[in-house]
Protein backbone atom coordinates (compact mmCIF):
# COMPACT_ATOMS: atom_id res chain seq x y z
CA MET A 1 -0.02 0.04 -0.23
CA THR A 2 1.61 3.23 -0.86
CA GLU A 3 1.07 6.35 1.48
CA ASP A 4 0.13 9.50 0.22
CA THR A 5 1.80 12.85 1.02
CA GLN A 6 0.56 16.34 1.13
CA PHE A 7 2.18 18.61 -1.25
CA ASN A 8 1.45 22.42 -1.37
CA LEU A 9 1.93 24.01 -4.81
CA ARG A 10 1.59 27.29 -6.20
CA LEU A 11 0.20 27.50 -9.83
CA LEU A 12 -0.60 30.34 -12.45
CA LYS A 13 -4.42 30.27 -12.17
CA SER A 14 -4.79 29.68 -15.94
CA ILE A 15 -2.98 26.30 -15.37
CA LYS A 16 -5.15 25.70 -12.47
CA ASP A 17 -8.19 26.21 -14.59
CA ASP A 18 -6.66 23.93 -17.56
CA ILE A 19 -6.26 20.86 -14.78
CA ALA A 20 -9.69 21.81 -13.45
CA LYS A 21 -11.04 21.54 -17.11
CA ALA A 22 -9.15 18.27 -17.65
CA ALA A 23 -10.10 16.63 -14.63
CA LYS A 24 -13.85 17.34 -15.27
CA LYS A 25 -13.50 15.89 -18.58
CA ASN A 26 -11.60 12.96 -17.10
CA GLY A 27 -13.91 12.58 -14.41
CA ARG A 28 -11.29 12.73 -11.82
CA SER A 29 -10.77 15.45 -8.72
CA ILE A 30 -8.19 18.40 -9.64
CA ASN A 31 -6.00 16.53 -7.15
CA SER A 32 -6.04 13.07 -9.05
CA GLU A 33 -5.50 15.03 -12.47
CA ALA A 34 -2.43 16.85 -11.41
CA ALA A 35 -0.86 13.81 -9.65
CA PHE A 36 -1.72 11.74 -12.88
CA ARG A 37 -0.13 14.43 -15.02
CA LEU A 38 2.94 14.40 -12.98
CA GLN A 39 3.37 11.02 -12.69
CA LYS A 40 3.10 10.56 -16.80
CA THR A 41 5.65 13.20 -17.30
CA LEU A 42 8.08 11.28 -14.76
CA GLU A 43 7.35 7.90 -16.82
CA GLN A 44 7.88 9.92 -20.21
CA ASP A 45 11.22 11.18 -18.80
CA GLU A 46 12.24 7.74 -17.87
CA PHE A 47 11.32 6.35 -20.98
CA MET A 48 13.12 8.74 -22.92
CA SER A 49 16.18 8.31 -21.07
CA SER A 50 16.18 4.67 -21.40
CA SER A 51 15.32 5.19 -25.01
CA ASN A 52 18.76 7.02 -25.62
CA GLY A 53 20.36 3.61 -25.36
CA CYS A 54 18.33 2.77 -28.46
CA ALA A 55 19.46 6.02 -30.15
CA GLU A 56 22.60 5.13 -29.39
CA ILE A 57 22.20 1.72 -31.03
CA ILE A 58 20.71 3.32 -34.25
CA ASP A 59 23.53 5.60 -34.42
CA ALA A 60 26.16 2.92 -34.41
CA VAL A 61 24.26 0.88 -36.84
CA LEU A 62 23.90 3.73 -39.13
CA GLU A 63 27.93 4.79 -38.74
CA ALA A 64 28.63 1.05 -39.47
CA GLU A 65 26.54 1.15 -42.62
CA SER A 66 28.00 4.33 -43.83
CA ASN A 67 31.62 3.05 -43.28
CA SER A 68 30.79 -0.07 -45.01
CA ASN A 69 29.51 1.82 -47.91
CA GLU A 70 32.32 4.27 -47.98
CA LEU A 71 34.64 1.32 -47.97
CA GLN A 72 32.95 -0.50 -50.69
CA THR A 73 32.94 2.59 -52.62
CA ARG A 74 36.53 3.23 -52.49
CA LEU A 75 37.31 -0.50 -53.22
CA ASP A 76 35.13 0.13 -56.39
CA ASN A 77 37.08 3.12 -57.36
CA ILE A 78 40.43 1.52 -57.25
CA GLY A 79 39.29 -1.30 -59.26
CA VAL A 80 39.02 -3.78 -56.24
CA SER A 81 36.41 -6.54 -56.96
CA GLU A 82 35.87 -7.64 -53.31
CA SER A 83 32.96 -6.98 -51.53
CA VAL A 84 32.80 -5.54 -47.95
CA ASP A 85 32.37 -8.22 -45.13
CA SER A 86 29.71 -6.49 -42.79
CA SER A 87 31.03 -8.80 -40.13
CA ILE A 88 33.74 -6.18 -39.72
CA PHE A 89 31.31 -3.74 -38.54
CA THR A 90 29.16 -6.11 -36.64
CA SER A 91 31.64 -6.46 -33.68
CA ARG A 92 31.82 -2.58 -33.16
CA ILE A 93 27.97 -2.63 -32.92
CA LEU A 94 28.11 -5.58 -30.28
CA LYS A 95 30.51 -3.78 -28.32
CA LYS A 96 28.39 -0.44 -28.45
CA LEU A 97 25.16 -2.98 -27.52
CA GLU A 98 26.79 -4.08 -24.51
CA ALA A 99 28.25 -0.67 -23.04
CA ILE A 100 24.61 0.60 -23.40
CA GLU A 101 23.30 -2.53 -21.54
CA LYS A 102 25.64 -1.88 -18.96
CA LYS A 103 24.70 1.43 -18.62
CA LEU A 104 20.87 0.52 -18.57
CA ASP A 105 21.62 -1.99 -16.11
CA GLU A 106 23.31 0.39 -13.56
CA LYS A 107 20.26 2.73 -13.87
CA ASP A 108 18.17 -0.15 -12.78
CA LYS A 109 20.15 -0.18 -9.61
């Protein structure tokens, strides 16, 4: 069971009015509406910070693809008929993934 704590907060009248309108529309008290909205913003912040790991993964993949394409173009330009093995870049992505997972694990502790 969670314990509720009283929290006094000063708001602009316009914000209070907006919360009151939203509370009425959603069938909640003003207090419940304000608490609900605060909780949602905290959850969004947490999601966005954990999503940064996803952004880092995407960046690593895009960088690896770009490097692979650049290398292939350079090989083609000098007449080397070898195809670039993408596994060269896969290990870099895996290392980046491991670092991101480690960061996320540390956040959860």
